[in-house]
Amino acid sequence: MSEVIQNLEKAVLDMDEDLARSAANDVLKQKLNVVGAVNDGLVKGMKIVAGKYEKEEIYLPQVLASANAFYAAFDILRPHMIGAKTGSGKKVVICVVEGDIHDIGKNLVKTMIEANGFHCIDMGRDVPVEDFVQSIVDNKPEYVAMSTLMTPTMKSMRRVLEGMVEEDVRKGKKVMIGGGPVDAEFATEIGADFYGDDESEAVKWLKKQEGGG
């Protein structure tokens, strides 16, 4: 692994925004593969951070600081990634559903989606069902993605799909869900098209829909 890629990972782990920007600019100066740099450096670092957070080795302020470093680099590299992969231009509206504020997993999925050339419209976390459905109506995405880490809020996913039907925007859109308490059986039960265990599965499925994998 090149020193530049290592610095991207280190910047995220050390919560160092200056190093993140410097390393991102080095990626461009050295004409390295931008998508590879994001995946092997930035995303790898955020996965480690997420793992530490889940084990309660670090806390939310550190996660947010690492995320700030991540985006300091990612914002520099992002313009050079669009169109790099199959699926460029296709929209994905994504959120953590109403009632849940846990968004580390959602952010990783969003990052990987963008790194693979999709246009991600991130509605954030704890998004009211009505607001999320309205975003689907307004943005006319090809894909819809939802996550939750809490069992009680799984019902919000069902309500989103019901709202899409009521607003007559379900047809022609593919819906994927993810998060700790959900599984493929639940996806089928509520009428979603796909359940993914992690961000890699989500991207693999999206690319398959586009004929790229």
N, C-alpha and C. Protein backbone atom coordinates (compact mmCIF):
# COMPACT_ATOMS: atom_id res chain seq x y z
N MET A 1 0.85 -1.20 0.00
CA MET A 1 0.00 0.00 0.00
C MET A 1 0.88 1.25 0.00
N SER A 2 0.53 2.22 -0.83
CA SER A 2 1.35 3.42 -0.92
C SER A 2 1.22 4.27 0.34
N GLU A 3 2.22 5.13 0.54
CA GLU A 3 2.22 6.01 1.70
C GLU A 3 1.02 6.95 1.68
N VAL A 4 0.61 7.37 0.50
CA VAL A 4 -0.53 8.28 0.38
C VAL A 4 -1.81 7.60 0.89
N ILE A 5 -2.02 6.35 0.49
CA ILE A 5 -3.21 5.61 0.94
C ILE A 5 -3.15 5.41 2.45
N GLN A 6 -1.98 5.09 2.95
CA GLN A 6 -1.82 4.93 4.39
C GLN A 6 -2.14 6.23 5.13
N ASN A 7 -1.74 7.35 4.52
CA ASN A 7 -2.02 8.64 5.16
C ASN A 7 -3.51 8.96 5.18
N LEU A 8 -4.24 8.54 4.15
CA LEU A 8 -5.69 8.73 4.15
C LEU A 8 -6.32 7.97 5.32
N GLU A 9 -5.91 6.71 5.47
CA GLU A 9 -6.43 5.91 6.58
C GLU A 9 -6.03 6.52 7.91
N LYS A 10 -4.76 6.91 8.03
CA LYS A 10 -4.26 7.50 9.27
C LYS A 10 -4.99 8.79 9.63
N ALA A 11 -5.30 9.59 8.62
CA ALA A 11 -6.01 10.85 8.86
C ALA A 11 -7.37 10.60 9.51
N VAL A 12 -8.06 9.58 9.01
CA VAL A 12 -9.37 9.24 9.57
C VAL A 12 -9.22 8.73 11.01
N LEU A 13 -8.26 7.83 11.21
CA LEU A 13 -8.07 7.25 12.54
C LEU A 13 -7.59 8.29 13.55
N ASP A 14 -6.76 9.23 13.08
CA ASP A 14 -6.21 10.26 13.98
C ASP A 14 -7.07 11.52 14.04
N MET A 15 -8.19 11.51 13.28
CA MET A 15 -9.11 12.65 13.27
C MET A 15 -8.39 13.92 12.82
N ASP A 16 -7.52 13.78 11.81
CA ASP A 16 -6.64 14.85 11.36
C ASP A 16 -7.11 15.39 10.00
N GLU A 17 -7.85 16.48 10.01
CA GLU A 17 -8.40 17.04 8.77
C GLU A 17 -7.31 17.59 7.85
N ASP A 18 -6.26 18.17 8.43
CA ASP A 18 -5.18 18.72 7.61
C ASP A 18 -4.45 17.62 6.85
N LEU A 19 -4.16 16.51 7.53
CA LEU A 19 -3.52 15.38 6.88
C LEU A 19 -4.44 14.81 5.81
N ALA A 20 -5.73 14.78 6.09
CA ALA A 20 -6.70 14.25 5.13
C ALA A 20 -6.66 15.05 3.84
N ARG A 21 -6.68 16.35 3.95
CA ARG A 21 -6.66 17.21 2.74
C ARG A 21 -5.34 17.05 1.99
N SER A 22 -4.25 17.01 2.74
CA SER A 22 -2.94 16.87 2.12
C SER A 22 -2.83 15.55 1.37
N ALA A 23 -3.29 14.47 1.99
CA ALA A 23 -3.22 13.16 1.35
C ALA A 23 -4.13 13.09 0.13
N ALA A 24 -5.30 13.71 0.23
CA ALA A 24 -6.22 13.71 -0.91
C ALA A 24 -5.61 14.45 -2.10
N ASN A 25 -4.95 15.56 -1.82
CA ASN A 25 -4.29 16.30 -2.91
C ASN A 25 -3.13 15.49 -3.49
N ASP A 26 -2.46 14.71 -2.64
CA ASP A 26 -1.38 13.86 -3.12
C ASP A 26 -1.90 12.77 -4.06
N VAL A 27 -3.10 12.27 -3.76
CA VAL A 27 -3.72 11.28 -4.64
C VAL A 27 -3.86 11.84 -6.06
N LEU A 28 -4.31 13.09 -6.13
CA LEU A 28 -4.51 13.72 -7.43
C LEU A 28 -3.18 14.07 -8.11
N LYS A 29 -2.24 14.57 -7.31
CA LYS A 29 -0.93 14.93 -7.88
C LYS A 29 -0.22 13.71 -8.47
N GLN A 30 -0.34 12.59 -7.76
CA GLN A 30 0.34 11.37 -8.19
C GLN A 30 -0.49 10.54 -9.17
N LYS A 31 -1.68 11.07 -9.50
CA LYS A 31 -2.57 10.41 -10.46
C LYS A 31 -2.88 8.96 -10.05
N LEU A 32 -3.11 8.77 -8.75
CA LEU A 32 -3.49 7.46 -8.24
C LEU A 32 -4.95 7.19 -8.58
N ASN A 33 -5.34 5.93 -8.54
CA ASN A 33 -6.74 5.57 -8.75
C ASN A 33 -7.58 6.14 -7.62
N VAL A 34 -8.47 7.06 -7.94
CA VAL A 34 -9.21 7.78 -6.91
C VAL A 34 -10.17 6.87 -6.15
N VAL A 35 -10.91 6.04 -6.88
CA VAL A 35 -11.84 5.14 -6.23
C VAL A 35 -11.10 4.17 -5.31
N GLY A 36 -9.97 3.67 -5.79
CA GLY A 36 -9.16 2.78 -4.96
C GLY A 36 -8.66 3.47 -3.71
N ALA A 37 -8.24 4.74 -3.85
CA ALA A 37 -7.75 5.50 -2.70
C ALA A 37 -8.85 5.70 -1.66
N VAL A 38 -10.05 5.99 -2.14
CA VAL A 38 -11.18 6.16 -1.22
C VAL A 38 -11.47 4.85 -0.49
N ASN A 39 -11.56 3.76 -1.24
CA ASN A 39 -11.91 2.47 -0.63
C ASN A 39 -10.81 1.94 0.28
N ASP A 40 -9.55 2.01 -0.19
CA ASP A 40 -8.44 1.41 0.55
C ASP A 40 -7.91 2.29 1.66
N GLY A 41 -8.19 3.58 1.59
CA GLY A 41 -7.72 4.50 2.61
C GLY A 41 -8.84 5.02 3.50
N LEU A 42 -9.71 5.83 2.91
CA LEU A 42 -10.76 6.49 3.71
C LEU A 42 -11.80 5.51 4.25
N VAL A 43 -12.34 4.68 3.37
CA VAL A 43 -13.39 3.75 3.81
C VAL A 43 -12.82 2.74 4.81
N LYS A 44 -11.62 2.26 4.54
CA LYS A 44 -10.99 1.33 5.48
C LYS A 44 -10.86 1.95 6.86
N GLY A 45 -10.44 3.22 6.89
CA GLY A 45 -10.32 3.91 8.16
C GLY A 45 -11.65 4.04 8.88
N MET A 46 -12.71 4.40 8.14
CA MET A 46 -14.02 4.55 8.76
C MET A 46 -14.57 3.22 9.25
N LYS A 47 -14.25 2.14 8.57
CA LYS A 47 -14.69 0.82 9.04
C LYS A 47 -14.05 0.50 10.39
N ILE A 48 -12.77 0.84 10.53
CA ILE A 48 -12.09 0.61 11.79
C ILE A 48 -12.72 1.46 12.89
N VAL A 49 -13.00 2.72 12.56
CA VAL A 49 -13.65 3.62 13.52
C VAL A 49 -15.01 3.06 13.94
N ALA A 50 -15.79 2.62 12.97
CA ALA A 50 -17.12 2.07 13.26
C ALA A 50 -17.02 0.85 14.16
N GLY A 51 -16.02 0.01 13.90
CA GLY A 51 -15.83 -1.18 14.73
C GLY A 51 -15.48 -0.82 16.16
N LYS A 52 -14.64 0.19 16.33
CA LYS A 52 -14.27 0.63 17.68
C LYS A 52 -15.47 1.22 18.42
N TYR A 53 -16.30 1.94 17.65
CA TYR A 53 -17.49 2.54 18.25
C TYR A 53 -18.46 1.47 18.73
N GLU A 54 -18.63 0.43 17.90
CA GLU A 54 -19.55 -0.65 18.27
C GLU A 54 -19.05 -1.38 19.52
N LYS A 55 -17.74 -1.45 19.68
CA LYS A 55 -17.16 -2.13 20.85
C LYS A 55 -17.02 -1.19 22.05
N GLU A 56 -17.49 0.05 21.87
CA GLU A 56 -17.43 1.09 22.91
C GLU A 56 -16.00 1.41 23.32
N GLU A 57 -15.07 1.28 22.35
CA GLU A 57 -13.69 1.66 22.60
C GLU A 57 -13.50 3.16 22.38
N ILE A 58 -14.38 3.75 21.57
CA ILE A 58 -14.41 5.19 21.37
C ILE A 58 -15.87 5.64 21.44
N TYR A 59 -16.07 6.95 21.50
CA TYR A 59 -17.42 7.47 21.66
C TYR A 59 -17.78 8.42 20.51
N LEU A 60 -19.01 8.87 20.52
CA LEU A 60 -19.54 9.62 19.39
C LEU A 60 -18.70 10.83 18.99
N PRO A 61 -18.20 11.63 19.93
CA PRO A 61 -17.40 12.78 19.50
C PRO A 61 -16.19 12.38 18.64
N GLN A 62 -15.54 11.26 19.01
CA GLN A 62 -14.40 10.79 18.22
C GLN A 62 -14.85 10.31 16.84
N VAL A 63 -15.99 9.65 16.78
CA VAL A 63 -16.52 9.18 15.50
C VAL A 63 -16.80 10.37 14.59
N LEU A 64 -17.42 11.39 15.16
CA LEU A 64 -17.75 12.58 14.36
C LEU A 64 -16.48 13.29 13.89
N ALA A 65 -15.45 13.32 14.74
CA ALA A 65 -14.19 13.95 14.35
C ALA A 65 -13.52 13.16 13.23
N SER A 66 -13.59 11.83 13.32
CA SER A 66 -13.05 10.99 12.24
C SER A 66 -13.84 11.21 10.96
N ALA A 67 -15.15 11.33 11.09
CA ALA A 67 -15.99 11.57 9.91
C ALA A 67 -15.66 12.92 9.27
N ASN A 68 -15.35 13.92 10.10
CA ASN A 68 -14.96 15.22 9.55
C ASN A 68 -13.68 15.11 8.74
N ALA A 69 -12.73 14.31 9.23
CA ALA A 69 -11.48 14.09 8.50
C ALA A 69 -11.76 13.34 7.20
N PHE A 70 -12.64 12.36 7.30
CA PHE A 70 -13.03 11.59 6.12
C PHE A 70 -13.55 12.53 5.02
N TYR A 71 -14.48 13.38 5.39
CA TYR A 71 -15.11 14.25 4.39
C TYR A 71 -14.19 15.38 3.94
N ALA A 72 -13.21 15.75 4.76
CA ALA A 72 -12.23 16.75 4.32
C ALA A 72 -11.48 16.23 3.10
N ALA A 73 -11.17 14.92 3.12
CA ALA A 73 -10.50 14.31 1.96
C ALA A 73 -11.49 13.95 0.87
N PHE A 74 -12.61 13.41 1.27
CA PHE A 74 -13.59 12.92 0.30
C PHE A 74 -14.13 14.05 -0.57
N ASP A 75 -14.32 15.22 0.01
CA ASP A 75 -14.85 16.35 -0.76
C ASP A 75 -13.87 16.79 -1.86
N ILE A 76 -12.58 16.57 -1.62
CA ILE A 76 -11.57 16.88 -2.65
C ILE A 76 -11.58 15.83 -3.74
N LEU A 77 -11.78 14.57 -3.35
CA LEU A 77 -11.70 13.45 -4.30
C LEU A 77 -13.01 13.19 -5.03
N ARG A 78 -14.12 13.54 -4.41
CA ARG A 78 -15.44 13.22 -4.97
C ARG A 78 -15.63 13.65 -6.42
N PRO A 79 -15.25 14.88 -6.81
CA PRO A 79 -15.48 15.29 -8.21
C PRO A 79 -14.74 14.42 -9.23
N HIS A 80 -13.71 13.73 -8.77
CA HIS A 80 -12.92 12.89 -9.67
C HIS A 80 -13.40 11.45 -9.70
N MET A 81 -14.47 11.17 -8.93
CA MET A 81 -15.01 9.81 -8.88
C MET A 81 -16.27 9.65 -9.72
N ILE A 82 -17.03 10.70 -9.88
CA ILE A 82 -18.30 10.59 -10.59
C ILE A 82 -18.04 10.07 -12.00
N GLY A 83 -18.75 9.03 -12.32
CA GLY A 83 -18.60 8.44 -13.64
C GLY A 83 -17.51 7.39 -13.72
N ALA A 84 -16.87 7.11 -12.56
CA ALA A 84 -15.77 6.15 -12.59
C ALA A 84 -16.26 4.72 -12.64
N LYS A 85 -17.49 4.50 -12.29
CA LYS A 85 -18.00 3.13 -12.22
C LYS A 85 -19.35 3.03 -12.94
N THR A 86 -19.72 1.80 -13.26
CA THR A 86 -21.05 1.55 -13.81
C THR A 86 -22.09 2.09 -12.84
N GLY A 87 -23.13 2.69 -13.37
CA GLY A 87 -24.19 3.19 -12.50
C GLY A 87 -24.14 4.69 -12.34
N SER A 88 -23.17 5.33 -12.95
CA SER A 88 -23.03 6.78 -12.82
C SER A 88 -24.32 7.49 -13.18
N GLY A 89 -24.70 8.43 -12.31
CA GLY A 89 -25.87 9.23 -12.59
C GLY A 89 -27.16 8.71 -12.00
N LYS A 90 -27.20 7.43 -11.66
CA LYS A 90 -28.42 6.88 -11.07
C LYS A 90 -28.54 7.37 -9.62
N LYS A 91 -29.74 7.77 -9.25
CA LYS A 91 -29.96 8.34 -7.92
C LYS A 91 -30.33 7.28 -6.89
N VAL A 92 -29.79 7.47 -5.70
CA VAL A 92 -30.16 6.65 -4.54
C VAL A 92 -30.54 7.61 -3.42
N VAL A 93 -31.79 7.56 -2.97
CA VAL A 93 -32.20 8.33 -1.79
C VAL A 93 -32.04 7.43 -0.57
N ILE A 94 -31.32 7.92 0.43
CA ILE A 94 -30.96 7.07 1.57
C ILE A 94 -31.24 7.78 2.88
N CYS A 95 -31.57 7.00 3.92
CA CYS A 95 -31.76 7.58 5.25
C CYS A 95 -31.67 6.50 6.33
N VAL A 96 -31.51 6.97 7.56
CA VAL A 96 -31.81 6.16 8.74
C VAL A 96 -33.24 6.51 9.10
N VAL A 97 -34.07 5.50 9.26
CA VAL A 97 -35.51 5.74 9.37
C VAL A 97 -35.91 6.44 10.67
N GLU A 98 -37.13 6.93 10.66
CA GLU A 98 -37.68 7.67 11.80
C GLU A 98 -37.54 6.89 13.10
N GLY A 99 -37.03 7.59 14.11
CA GLY A 99 -36.90 6.98 15.43
C GLY A 99 -35.51 6.46 15.75
N ASP A 100 -34.62 6.47 14.77
CA ASP A 100 -33.27 5.92 14.96
C ASP A 100 -32.23 6.97 14.59
N ILE A 101 -31.22 7.15 15.46
CA ILE A 101 -30.19 8.16 15.20
C ILE A 101 -28.84 7.53 14.87
N HIS A 102 -28.77 6.20 14.78
CA HIS A 102 -27.50 5.52 14.52
C HIS A 102 -27.20 5.55 13.02
N ASP A 103 -26.17 6.31 12.63
CA ASP A 103 -25.97 6.49 11.18
C ASP A 103 -24.58 6.12 10.67
N ILE A 104 -23.78 5.44 11.49
CA ILE A 104 -22.45 5.05 11.02
C ILE A 104 -22.56 4.11 9.82
N GLY A 105 -23.40 3.09 9.95
CA GLY A 105 -23.58 2.14 8.85
C GLY A 105 -24.12 2.81 7.61
N LYS A 106 -25.09 3.69 7.80
CA LYS A 106 -25.67 4.41 6.66
C LYS A 106 -24.61 5.26 5.97
N ASN A 107 -23.76 5.88 6.75
CA ASN A 107 -22.72 6.72 6.16
C ASN A 107 -21.71 5.90 5.36
N LEU A 108 -21.40 4.71 5.85
CA LEU A 108 -20.49 3.84 5.11
C LEU A 108 -21.12 3.41 3.78
N VAL A 109 -22.40 3.05 3.83
CA VAL A 109 -23.11 2.67 2.60
C VAL A 109 -23.13 3.84 1.63
N LYS A 110 -23.45 5.01 2.14
CA LYS A 110 -23.48 6.22 1.29
C LYS A 110 -22.13 6.45 0.63
N THR A 111 -21.08 6.33 1.42
CA THR A 111 -19.73 6.55 0.91
C THR A 111 -19.40 5.58 -0.21
N MET A 112 -19.69 4.31 0.01
CA MET A 112 -19.39 3.29 -1.00
C MET A 112 -20.24 3.48 -2.25
N ILE A 113 -21.49 3.89 -2.06
CA ILE A 113 -22.36 4.15 -3.20
C ILE A 113 -21.78 5.27 -4.07
N GLU A 114 -21.38 6.36 -3.40
CA GLU A 114 -20.82 7.49 -4.14
C GLU A 114 -19.49 7.14 -4.79
N ALA A 115 -18.70 6.33 -4.09
CA ALA A 115 -17.40 5.93 -4.63
C ALA A 115 -17.55 5.07 -5.88
N ASN A 116 -18.72 4.48 -6.05
CA ASN A 116 -18.97 3.63 -7.21
C ASN A 116 -19.82 4.32 -8.27
N GLY A 117 -19.89 5.65 -8.19
CA GLY A 117 -20.46 6.41 -9.29
C GLY A 117 -21.94 6.70 -9.22
N PHE A 118 -22.61 6.31 -8.13
CA PHE A 118 -24.03 6.62 -7.99
C PHE A 118 -24.19 7.99 -7.33
N HIS A 119 -25.30 8.64 -7.59
CA HIS A 119 -25.59 9.95 -7.01
C HIS A 119 -26.45 9.73 -5.78
N CYS A 120 -25.86 9.97 -4.60
CA CYS A 120 -26.55 9.66 -3.34
C CYS A 120 -27.19 10.92 -2.75
N ILE A 121 -28.48 10.84 -2.48
CA ILE A 121 -29.20 11.93 -1.83
C ILE A 121 -29.45 11.49 -0.40
N ASP A 122 -28.66 12.03 0.52
CA ASP A 122 -28.66 11.59 1.91
C ASP A 122 -29.62 12.45 2.73
N MET A 123 -30.68 11.84 3.22
CA MET A 123 -31.67 12.56 4.03
C MET A 123 -31.32 12.58 5.51
N GLY A 124 -30.23 11.88 5.88
CA GLY A 124 -29.79 11.92 7.27
C GLY A 124 -30.37 10.81 8.12
N ARG A 125 -30.52 11.12 9.41
CA ARG A 125 -30.99 10.11 10.37
C ARG A 125 -32.28 10.57 11.04
N ASP A 126 -33.00 9.62 11.59
CA ASP A 126 -34.27 9.91 12.26
C ASP A 126 -35.17 10.75 11.36
N VAL A 127 -35.33 10.28 10.12
CA VAL A 127 -36.08 11.05 9.12
C VAL A 127 -37.56 10.65 9.18
N PRO A 128 -38.46 11.61 9.41
CA PRO A 128 -39.88 11.29 9.43
C PRO A 128 -40.31 10.59 8.14
N VAL A 129 -41.17 9.60 8.29
CA VAL A 129 -41.61 8.81 7.13
C VAL A 129 -42.14 9.70 6.02
N GLU A 130 -42.96 10.68 6.39
CA GLU A 130 -43.57 11.55 5.38
C GLU A 130 -42.51 12.34 4.62
N ASP A 131 -41.48 12.80 5.33
CA ASP A 131 -40.41 13.58 4.69
C ASP A 131 -39.62 12.71 3.72
N PHE A 132 -39.37 11.47 4.13
CA PHE A 132 -38.59 10.58 3.27
C PHE A 132 -39.38 10.22 2.01
N VAL A 133 -40.65 9.93 2.18
CA VAL A 133 -41.49 9.61 1.03
C VAL A 133 -41.56 10.81 0.09
N GLN A 134 -41.68 12.01 0.67
CA GLN A 134 -41.75 13.22 -0.17
C GLN A 134 -40.46 13.41 -0.95
N SER A 135 -39.32 13.07 -0.32
CA SER A 135 -38.04 13.18 -1.02
C SER A 135 -38.00 12.23 -2.21
N ILE A 136 -38.59 11.05 -2.05
CA ILE A 136 -38.66 10.09 -3.15
C ILE A 136 -39.54 10.64 -4.27
N VAL A 137 -40.65 11.27 -3.89
CA VAL A 137 -41.54 11.87 -4.88
C VAL A 137 -40.81 12.98 -5.64
N ASP A 138 -40.08 13.83 -4.90
CA ASP A 138 -39.44 15.00 -5.49
C ASP A 138 -38.21 14.65 -6.34
N ASN A 139 -37.41 13.71 -5.84
CA ASN A 139 -36.12 13.43 -6.50
C ASN A 139 -36.20 12.35 -7.57
N LYS A 140 -37.29 11.58 -7.56
CA LYS A 140 -37.48 10.52 -8.57
C LYS A 140 -36.24 9.62 -8.71
N PRO A 141 -35.79 9.01 -7.61
CA PRO A 141 -34.60 8.16 -7.68
C PRO A 141 -34.90 6.81 -8.31
N GLU A 142 -33.85 6.17 -8.79
CA GLU A 142 -34.00 4.79 -9.26
C GLU A 142 -33.96 3.81 -8.09
N TYR A 143 -33.29 4.23 -7.00
CA TYR A 143 -33.12 3.35 -5.84
C TYR A 143 -33.45 4.08 -4.55
N VAL A 144 -33.92 3.30 -3.57
CA VAL A 144 -34.23 3.82 -2.23
C VAL A 144 -33.52 2.93 -1.23
N ALA A 145 -32.84 3.53 -0.26
CA ALA A 145 -32.11 2.75 0.74
C ALA A 145 -32.46 3.24 2.14
N MET A 146 -32.72 2.28 3.04
CA MET A 146 -33.07 2.61 4.42
C MET A 146 -32.31 1.72 5.38
N SER A 147 -31.97 2.27 6.55
CA SER A 147 -31.32 1.45 7.56
C SER A 147 -31.88 1.77 8.94
N THR A 148 -31.73 0.78 9.84
CA THR A 148 -32.03 1.00 11.25
C THR A 148 -31.26 -0.03 12.06
N LEU A 149 -30.88 0.36 13.27
CA LEU A 149 -30.22 -0.57 14.18
C LEU A 149 -31.14 -0.94 15.35
N MET A 150 -32.37 -0.48 15.28
CA MET A 150 -33.29 -0.69 16.40
C MET A 150 -34.55 -1.43 15.94
N THR A 151 -34.91 -2.45 16.69
CA THR A 151 -36.08 -3.26 16.34
C THR A 151 -37.38 -2.43 16.30
N PRO A 152 -37.63 -1.55 17.29
CA PRO A 152 -38.89 -0.80 17.27
C PRO A 152 -39.08 0.06 16.02
N THR A 153 -37.98 0.50 15.41
CA THR A 153 -38.11 1.41 14.27
C THR A 153 -38.19 0.67 12.93
N MET A 154 -38.16 -0.64 12.97
CA MET A 154 -38.33 -1.40 11.73
C MET A 154 -39.68 -1.08 11.08
N LYS A 155 -40.66 -0.74 11.91
CA LYS A 155 -41.98 -0.42 11.39
C LYS A 155 -41.95 0.82 10.50
N SER A 156 -40.96 1.70 10.71
CA SER A 156 -40.84 2.89 9.86
C SER A 156 -40.52 2.50 8.43
N MET A 157 -39.75 1.42 8.26
CA MET A 157 -39.44 0.93 6.91
C MET A 157 -40.70 0.49 6.21
N ARG A 158 -41.53 -0.25 6.93
CA ARG A 158 -42.80 -0.71 6.36
C ARG A 158 -43.66 0.48 5.96
N ARG A 159 -43.69 1.51 6.82
CA ARG A 159 -44.52 2.68 6.55
C ARG A 159 -44.02 3.46 5.33
N VAL A 160 -42.70 3.47 5.12
CA VAL A 160 -42.15 4.14 3.94
C VAL A 160 -42.63 3.44 2.67
N LEU A 161 -42.56 2.13 2.66
CA LEU A 161 -43.01 1.38 1.49
C LEU A 161 -44.51 1.57 1.26
N GLU A 162 -45.27 1.59 2.34
CA GLU A 162 -46.71 1.84 2.21
C GLU A 162 -46.96 3.25 1.67
N GLY A 163 -46.15 4.22 2.14
CA GLY A 163 -46.29 5.59 1.66
C GLY A 163 -45.93 5.73 0.19
N MET A 164 -44.94 4.96 -0.24
CA MET A 164 -44.57 4.98 -1.65
C MET A 164 -45.70 4.47 -2.53
N VAL A 165 -46.38 3.44 -2.04
CA VAL A 165 -47.53 2.90 -2.78
C VAL A 165 -48.65 3.93 -2.82
N GLU A 166 -48.91 4.56 -1.66
CA GLU A 166 -49.99 5.55 -1.58
C GLU A 166 -49.72 6.74 -2.49
N GLU A 167 -48.46 7.14 -2.60
CA GLU A 167 -48.09 8.28 -3.45
C GLU A 167 -47.85 7.86 -4.90
N ASP A 168 -48.06 6.59 -5.17
CA ASP A 168 -47.89 6.04 -6.52
C ASP A 168 -46.47 6.23 -7.06
N VAL A 169 -45.47 6.03 -6.18
CA VAL A 169 -44.07 6.14 -6.61
C VAL A 169 -43.28 4.85 -6.34
N ARG A 170 -44.00 3.78 -6.02
CA ARG A 170 -43.29 2.52 -5.76
C ARG A 170 -42.81 1.86 -7.04
N LYS A 171 -43.64 1.92 -8.06
CA LYS A 171 -43.32 1.24 -9.32
C LYS A 171 -42.06 1.83 -9.97
N GLY A 172 -41.18 0.94 -10.42
CA GLY A 172 -39.98 1.38 -11.11
C GLY A 172 -38.82 1.75 -10.20
N LYS A 173 -39.02 1.64 -8.88
CA LYS A 173 -37.96 1.94 -7.93
C LYS A 173 -37.60 0.68 -7.15
N LYS A 174 -36.32 0.48 -6.93
CA LYS A 174 -35.86 -0.68 -6.19
C LYS A 174 -35.43 -0.25 -4.80
N VAL A 175 -35.92 -0.98 -3.82
CA VAL A 175 -35.73 -0.59 -2.42
C VAL A 175 -34.82 -1.60 -1.71
N MET A 176 -33.78 -1.07 -1.07
CA MET A 176 -32.92 -1.95 -0.27
C MET A 176 -32.92 -1.47 1.18
N ILE A 177 -32.82 -2.45 2.09
CA ILE A 177 -32.80 -2.13 3.51
C ILE A 177 -31.61 -2.82 4.16
N GLY A 178 -31.20 -2.30 5.33
CA GLY A 178 -30.10 -2.90 6.06
C GLY A 178 -30.13 -2.47 7.51
N GLY A 179 -29.26 -3.09 8.30
CA GLY A 179 -29.19 -2.79 9.72
C GLY A 179 -29.32 -4.04 10.56
N GLY A 180 -28.82 -3.96 11.78
CA GLY A 180 -28.73 -5.11 12.67
C GLY A 180 -29.96 -5.98 12.81
N PRO A 181 -31.14 -5.41 13.10
CA PRO A 181 -32.30 -6.26 13.38
C PRO A 181 -33.05 -6.77 12.15
N VAL A 182 -32.75 -6.23 10.97
CA VAL A 182 -33.51 -6.63 9.78
C VAL A 182 -32.79 -7.76 9.04
N ASP A 183 -33.54 -8.47 8.21
CA ASP A 183 -32.96 -9.55 7.43
C ASP A 183 -33.73 -9.70 6.13
N ALA A 184 -33.31 -10.68 5.33
CA ALA A 184 -33.93 -10.88 4.02
C ALA A 184 -35.41 -11.23 4.15
N GLU A 185 -35.74 -11.98 5.18
CA GLU A 185 -37.14 -12.36 5.39
C GLU A 185 -38.01 -11.14 5.64
N PHE A 186 -37.50 -10.21 6.46
CA PHE A 186 -38.25 -8.98 6.73
C PHE A 186 -38.37 -8.14 5.47
N ALA A 187 -37.30 -8.10 4.68
CA ALA A 187 -37.35 -7.35 3.42
C ALA A 187 -38.47 -7.86 2.53
N THR A 188 -38.57 -9.17 2.42
CA THR A 188 -39.64 -9.77 1.62
C THR A 188 -41.01 -9.45 2.20
N GLU A 189 -41.09 -9.52 3.52
CA GLU A 189 -42.37 -9.29 4.22
C GLU A 189 -42.93 -7.90 3.95
N ILE A 190 -42.05 -6.88 3.92
CA ILE A 190 -42.54 -5.50 3.74
C ILE A 190 -42.54 -5.06 2.28
N GLY A 191 -42.04 -5.94 1.40
CA GLY A 191 -42.06 -5.61 -0.02
C GLY A 191 -40.83 -4.91 -0.54
N ALA A 192 -39.72 -4.96 0.23
CA ALA A 192 -38.46 -4.40 -0.26
C ALA A 192 -37.83 -5.37 -1.26
N ASP A 193 -36.91 -4.86 -2.05
CA ASP A 193 -36.30 -5.68 -3.09
C ASP A 193 -35.02 -6.38 -2.65
N PHE A 194 -34.37 -5.85 -1.61
CA PHE A 194 -33.08 -6.40 -1.24
C PHE A 194 -32.74 -6.07 0.20
N TYR A 195 -32.09 -7.04 0.87
CA TYR A 195 -31.50 -6.81 2.18
C TYR A 195 -30.00 -7.02 2.06
N GLY A 196 -29.21 -6.06 2.56
CA GLY A 196 -27.77 -6.19 2.53
C GLY A 196 -27.20 -6.15 3.94
N ASP A 197 -26.22 -7.02 4.18
CA ASP A 197 -25.62 -7.12 5.51
C ASP A 197 -24.61 -6.01 5.78
N ASP A 198 -24.00 -5.48 4.70
CA ASP A 198 -23.03 -4.40 4.88
C ASP A 198 -22.94 -3.58 3.59
N GLU A 199 -22.05 -2.58 3.61
CA GLU A 199 -21.95 -1.66 2.49
C GLU A 199 -21.46 -2.35 1.21
N SER A 200 -20.61 -3.35 1.36
CA SER A 200 -20.10 -4.06 0.18
C SER A 200 -21.22 -4.79 -0.54
N GLU A 201 -22.10 -5.43 0.23
CA GLU A 201 -23.24 -6.13 -0.37
C GLU A 201 -24.17 -5.15 -1.06
N ALA A 202 -24.37 -3.99 -0.44
CA ALA A 202 -25.25 -2.98 -1.03
C ALA A 202 -24.73 -2.53 -2.39
N VAL A 203 -23.43 -2.26 -2.46
CA VAL A 203 -22.84 -1.81 -3.72
C VAL A 203 -22.88 -2.92 -4.76
N LYS A 204 -22.58 -4.13 -4.33
CA LYS A 204 -22.58 -5.27 -5.26
C LYS A 204 -23.97 -5.44 -5.88
N TRP A 205 -25.00 -5.28 -5.06
CA TRP A 205 -26.37 -5.43 -5.55
C TRP A 205 -26.72 -4.30 -6.53
N LEU A 206 -26.35 -3.07 -6.17
CA LEU A 206 -26.62 -1.93 -7.05
C LEU A 206 -25.96 -2.13 -8.41
N LYS A 207 -24.71 -2.54 -8.41
CA LYS A 207 -23.99 -2.74 -9.66
C LYS A 207 -24.61 -3.87 -10.47
N LYS A 208 -25.11 -4.87 -9.78
CA LYS A 208 -25.77 -5.98 -10.48
C LYS A 208 -27.02 -5.50 -11.19
N GLN A 209 -27.77 -4.60 -10.53
CA GLN A 209 -28.98 -4.05 -11.15
C GLN A 209 -28.64 -3.27 -12.42
N GLU A 210 -27.44 -2.69 -12.40
CA GLU A 210 -27.01 -1.88 -13.56
C GLU A 210 -26.28 -2.72 -14.62
N GLY A 211 -26.20 -4.02 -14.35
CA GLY A 211 -25.53 -4.89 -15.30
C GLY A 211 -24.02 -4.85 -15.18
N GLY A 212 -23.55 -4.38 -14.04
CA GLY A 212 -22.11 -4.25 -13.88
C GLY A 212 -21.48 -5.21 -12.91
N GLY A 213 -22.22 -6.25 -12.52
CA GLY A 213 -21.60 -7.16 -11.56
C GLY A 213 -22.52 -8.30 -11.26
